[in-house]
Amino acid sequence: MAIETSQLTIRLPVEDVDFVKRYAKANGLSVTEVIDRYLRRMRLLSSEAPQAALDEITGLLPADMDADAEMRERLSIKHGRS
């Protein structure tokens, strides 16, 4: 089953257009494929990665901890300042 597509005209700085054309040619892709892959990657990252990372670290720090003060203290110790 073919994916429904739509045509889009965009305006970019000349250096960006030149870059994407060179990149596409060097990698055996069309400019459309480069942009499509980038957008798919952005969609994937925005929908999955941040939530998974947040779920993994949730609850590691006590709710009453002053994270800024803790960081300052650890940096002070690390760098030998009193």
N, C-alpha and C. Protein backbone atom coordinates (compact mmCIF):
# COMPACT_ATOMS: atom_id res chain seq x y z
N MET A 1 0.84 -1.18 0.00
CA MET A 1 0.00 0.00 0.00
C MET A 1 0.89 1.24 0.00
N ALA A 2 0.68 2.14 -0.92
CA ALA A 2 1.47 3.35 -1.05
C ALA A 2 1.07 4.38 0.00
N ILE A 3 2.05 5.09 0.50
CA ILE A 3 1.80 6.16 1.46
C ILE A 3 1.32 7.39 0.70
N GLU A 4 0.30 8.04 1.20
CA GLU A 4 -0.19 9.26 0.59
C GLU A 4 0.84 10.36 0.79
N THR A 5 1.15 11.08 -0.26
CA THR A 5 2.14 12.14 -0.17
C THR A 5 1.53 13.48 -0.59
N SER A 6 2.27 14.52 -0.28
CA SER A 6 1.87 15.87 -0.63
C SER A 6 3.12 16.65 -0.99
N GLN A 7 2.98 17.57 -1.91
CA GLN A 7 4.12 18.38 -2.34
C GLN A 7 4.24 19.58 -1.42
N LEU A 8 5.50 19.98 -1.11
CA LEU A 8 5.76 21.10 -0.23
C LEU A 8 6.87 21.95 -0.83
N THR A 9 6.67 23.23 -0.87
CA THR A 9 7.71 24.15 -1.33
C THR A 9 8.21 24.91 -0.12
N ILE A 10 9.53 24.89 0.10
CA ILE A 10 10.10 25.60 1.24
C ILE A 10 11.22 26.51 0.75
N ARG A 11 11.51 27.52 1.55
CA ARG A 11 12.61 28.42 1.24
C ARG A 11 13.67 28.24 2.32
N LEU A 12 14.89 27.97 1.87
CA LEU A 12 16.02 27.77 2.78
C LEU A 12 17.20 28.60 2.30
N PRO A 13 18.13 28.89 3.20
CA PRO A 13 19.35 29.56 2.76
C PRO A 13 20.07 28.70 1.71
N VAL A 14 20.70 29.36 0.76
CA VAL A 14 21.38 28.67 -0.33
C VAL A 14 22.38 27.64 0.20
N GLU A 15 23.11 27.98 1.25
CA GLU A 15 24.11 27.05 1.78
C GLU A 15 23.47 25.77 2.32
N ASP A 16 22.27 25.88 2.88
CA ASP A 16 21.56 24.69 3.36
C ASP A 16 21.10 23.81 2.20
N VAL A 17 20.61 24.45 1.15
CA VAL A 17 20.17 23.70 -0.03
C VAL A 17 21.37 23.00 -0.66
N ASP A 18 22.48 23.71 -0.79
CA ASP A 18 23.68 23.11 -1.36
C ASP A 18 24.16 21.93 -0.52
N PHE A 19 24.12 22.12 0.79
CA PHE A 19 24.55 21.04 1.69
C PHE A 19 23.69 19.80 1.55
N VAL A 20 22.36 19.97 1.59
CA VAL A 20 21.48 18.80 1.54
C VAL A 20 21.61 18.09 0.19
N LYS A 21 21.82 18.84 -0.87
CA LYS A 21 22.02 18.20 -2.18
C LYS A 21 23.31 17.39 -2.20
N ARG A 22 24.39 17.96 -1.66
CA ARG A 22 25.67 17.22 -1.60
C ARG A 22 25.55 15.99 -0.71
N TYR A 23 24.91 16.16 0.44
CA TYR A 23 24.74 15.06 1.38
C TYR A 23 23.94 13.93 0.74
N ALA A 24 22.85 14.29 0.10
CA ALA A 24 21.99 13.29 -0.54
C ALA A 24 22.76 12.53 -1.61
N LYS A 25 23.47 13.26 -2.45
CA LYS A 25 24.23 12.62 -3.53
C LYS A 25 25.31 11.70 -2.97
N ALA A 26 26.03 12.16 -1.95
CA ALA A 26 27.10 11.37 -1.36
C ALA A 26 26.59 10.09 -0.71
N ASN A 27 25.33 10.10 -0.29
CA ASN A 27 24.75 8.95 0.40
C ASN A 27 23.76 8.17 -0.45
N GLY A 28 23.71 8.50 -1.74
CA GLY A 28 22.83 7.77 -2.66
C GLY A 28 21.36 7.95 -2.36
N LEU A 29 20.98 9.14 -1.92
CA LEU A 29 19.60 9.43 -1.57
C LEU A 29 19.10 10.63 -2.37
N SER A 30 17.80 10.80 -2.38
CA SER A 30 17.23 12.02 -2.93
C SER A 30 17.10 13.02 -1.77
N VAL A 31 16.95 14.29 -2.10
CA VAL A 31 16.74 15.29 -1.07
C VAL A 31 15.46 14.97 -0.29
N THR A 32 14.44 14.51 -0.98
CA THR A 32 13.19 14.13 -0.32
C THR A 32 13.44 13.02 0.70
N GLU A 33 14.25 12.03 0.34
CA GLU A 33 14.55 10.94 1.28
C GLU A 33 15.30 11.44 2.51
N VAL A 34 16.24 12.36 2.31
CA VAL A 34 16.99 12.93 3.44
C VAL A 34 16.02 13.62 4.40
N ILE A 35 15.17 14.47 3.87
CA ILE A 35 14.22 15.20 4.71
C ILE A 35 13.23 14.25 5.37
N ASP A 36 12.75 13.28 4.62
CA ASP A 36 11.81 12.30 5.17
C ASP A 36 12.44 11.53 6.33
N ARG A 37 13.66 11.09 6.16
CA ARG A 37 14.35 10.35 7.24
C ARG A 37 14.54 11.22 8.47
N TYR A 38 14.91 12.48 8.24
CA TYR A 38 15.11 13.39 9.36
C TYR A 38 13.80 13.63 10.11
N LEU A 39 12.73 13.85 9.38
CA LEU A 39 11.44 14.08 10.03
C LEU A 39 10.95 12.84 10.79
N ARG A 40 11.17 11.66 10.21
CA ARG A 40 10.79 10.43 10.91
C ARG A 40 11.57 10.28 12.21
N ARG A 41 12.86 10.62 12.16
CA ARG A 41 13.71 10.53 13.36
C ARG A 41 13.23 11.53 14.42
N MET A 42 12.91 12.75 13.99
CA MET A 42 12.40 13.75 14.93
C MET A 42 11.11 13.27 15.58
N ARG A 43 10.23 12.70 14.78
CA ARG A 43 8.95 12.19 15.30
C ARG A 43 9.19 11.09 16.33
N LEU A 44 10.09 10.19 16.02
CA LEU A 44 10.41 9.09 16.93
C LEU A 44 10.99 9.61 18.24
N LEU A 45 11.95 10.52 18.14
CA LEU A 45 12.58 11.06 19.34
C LEU A 45 11.60 11.85 20.20
N SER A 46 10.73 12.61 19.57
CA SER A 46 9.81 13.43 20.35
C SER A 46 8.71 12.60 21.00
N SER A 47 8.41 11.45 20.44
CA SER A 47 7.32 10.66 21.00
C SER A 47 7.77 9.58 21.97
N GLU A 48 9.02 9.12 21.88
CA GLU A 48 9.42 7.99 22.70
C GLU A 48 10.58 8.26 23.65
N ALA A 49 11.65 8.80 23.18
CA ALA A 49 12.86 8.89 24.00
C ALA A 49 12.72 9.71 25.27
N PRO A 50 12.22 10.93 25.22
CA PRO A 50 12.17 11.69 26.47
C PRO A 50 11.34 11.02 27.55
N GLN A 51 10.19 10.49 27.21
CA GLN A 51 9.35 9.85 28.22
C GLN A 51 10.05 8.64 28.83
N ALA A 52 10.69 7.83 28.00
CA ALA A 52 11.39 6.65 28.52
C ALA A 52 12.52 7.06 29.45
N ALA A 53 13.26 8.10 29.08
CA ALA A 53 14.37 8.57 29.92
C ALA A 53 13.83 9.13 31.23
N LEU A 54 12.75 9.87 31.18
CA LEU A 54 12.18 10.42 32.41
C LEU A 54 11.64 9.32 33.31
N ASP A 55 11.00 8.33 32.73
CA ASP A 55 10.48 7.22 33.52
C ASP A 55 11.61 6.49 34.24
N GLU A 56 12.75 6.39 33.56
CA GLU A 56 13.88 5.65 34.13
C GLU A 56 14.46 6.34 35.35
N ILE A 57 14.49 7.69 35.36
CA ILE A 57 15.12 8.40 36.47
C ILE A 57 14.14 8.93 37.50
N THR A 58 12.86 8.82 37.26
CA THR A 58 11.86 9.34 38.20
C THR A 58 12.02 8.68 39.56
N GLY A 59 12.04 9.51 40.58
CA GLY A 59 12.10 9.01 41.94
C GLY A 59 13.50 8.76 42.48
N LEU A 60 14.53 9.09 41.73
CA LEU A 60 15.89 8.86 42.22
C LEU A 60 16.30 9.87 43.30
N LEU A 61 15.76 11.08 43.25
CA LEU A 61 16.09 12.10 44.24
C LEU A 61 14.92 12.28 45.20
N PRO A 62 15.23 12.46 46.49
CA PRO A 62 14.16 12.71 47.45
C PRO A 62 13.45 14.02 47.11
N ALA A 63 12.15 14.09 47.35
CA ALA A 63 11.34 15.27 47.01
C ALA A 63 11.79 16.51 47.78
N ASP A 64 12.32 16.33 49.01
CA ASP A 64 12.69 17.49 49.82
C ASP A 64 14.14 17.93 49.61
N MET A 65 14.84 17.33 48.67
CA MET A 65 16.24 17.67 48.42
C MET A 65 16.35 18.97 47.62
N ASP A 66 17.28 19.84 48.05
CA ASP A 66 17.58 21.06 47.30
C ASP A 66 18.69 20.70 46.31
N ALA A 67 18.30 20.38 45.08
CA ALA A 67 19.26 19.90 44.08
C ALA A 67 20.33 20.93 43.77
N ASP A 68 19.97 22.22 43.73
CA ASP A 68 20.96 23.26 43.44
C ASP A 68 22.01 23.34 44.54
N ALA A 69 21.56 23.32 45.79
CA ALA A 69 22.50 23.38 46.92
C ALA A 69 23.39 22.15 46.93
N GLU A 70 22.82 20.99 46.65
CA GLU A 70 23.59 19.75 46.60
C GLU A 70 24.67 19.83 45.52
N MET A 71 24.31 20.35 44.36
CA MET A 71 25.27 20.47 43.27
C MET A 71 26.39 21.43 43.64
N ARG A 72 26.05 22.57 44.23
CA ARG A 72 27.08 23.54 44.64
C ARG A 72 28.04 22.90 45.64
N GLU A 73 27.49 22.15 46.59
CA GLU A 73 28.33 21.50 47.60
C GLU A 73 29.27 20.47 46.96
N ARG A 74 28.76 19.66 46.06
CA ARG A 74 29.57 18.65 45.39
C ARG A 74 30.66 19.28 44.52
N LEU A 75 30.32 20.36 43.84
CA LEU A 75 31.33 21.07 43.04
C LEU A 75 32.41 21.70 43.92
N SER A 76 31.98 22.23 45.05
CA SER A 76 32.93 22.82 46.00
C SER A 76 33.92 21.77 46.50
N ILE A 77 33.40 20.59 46.85
CA ILE A 77 34.26 19.50 47.31
C ILE A 77 35.18 19.04 46.18
N LYS A 78 34.63 18.89 45.00
CA LYS A 78 35.40 18.43 43.83
C LYS A 78 36.57 19.36 43.52
N HIS A 79 36.31 20.66 43.62
CA HIS A 79 37.32 21.64 43.26
C HIS A 79 38.11 22.17 44.45
N GLY A 80 37.92 21.56 45.62
CA GLY A 80 38.70 21.89 46.82
C GLY A 80 38.41 23.25 47.40
N ARG A 81 37.21 23.72 47.27
CA ARG A 81 36.82 25.01 47.83
C ARG A 81 36.02 24.78 49.10
N SER A 82 36.20 25.67 50.05
CA SER A 82 35.43 25.56 51.30
C SER A 82 34.42 26.64 51.44
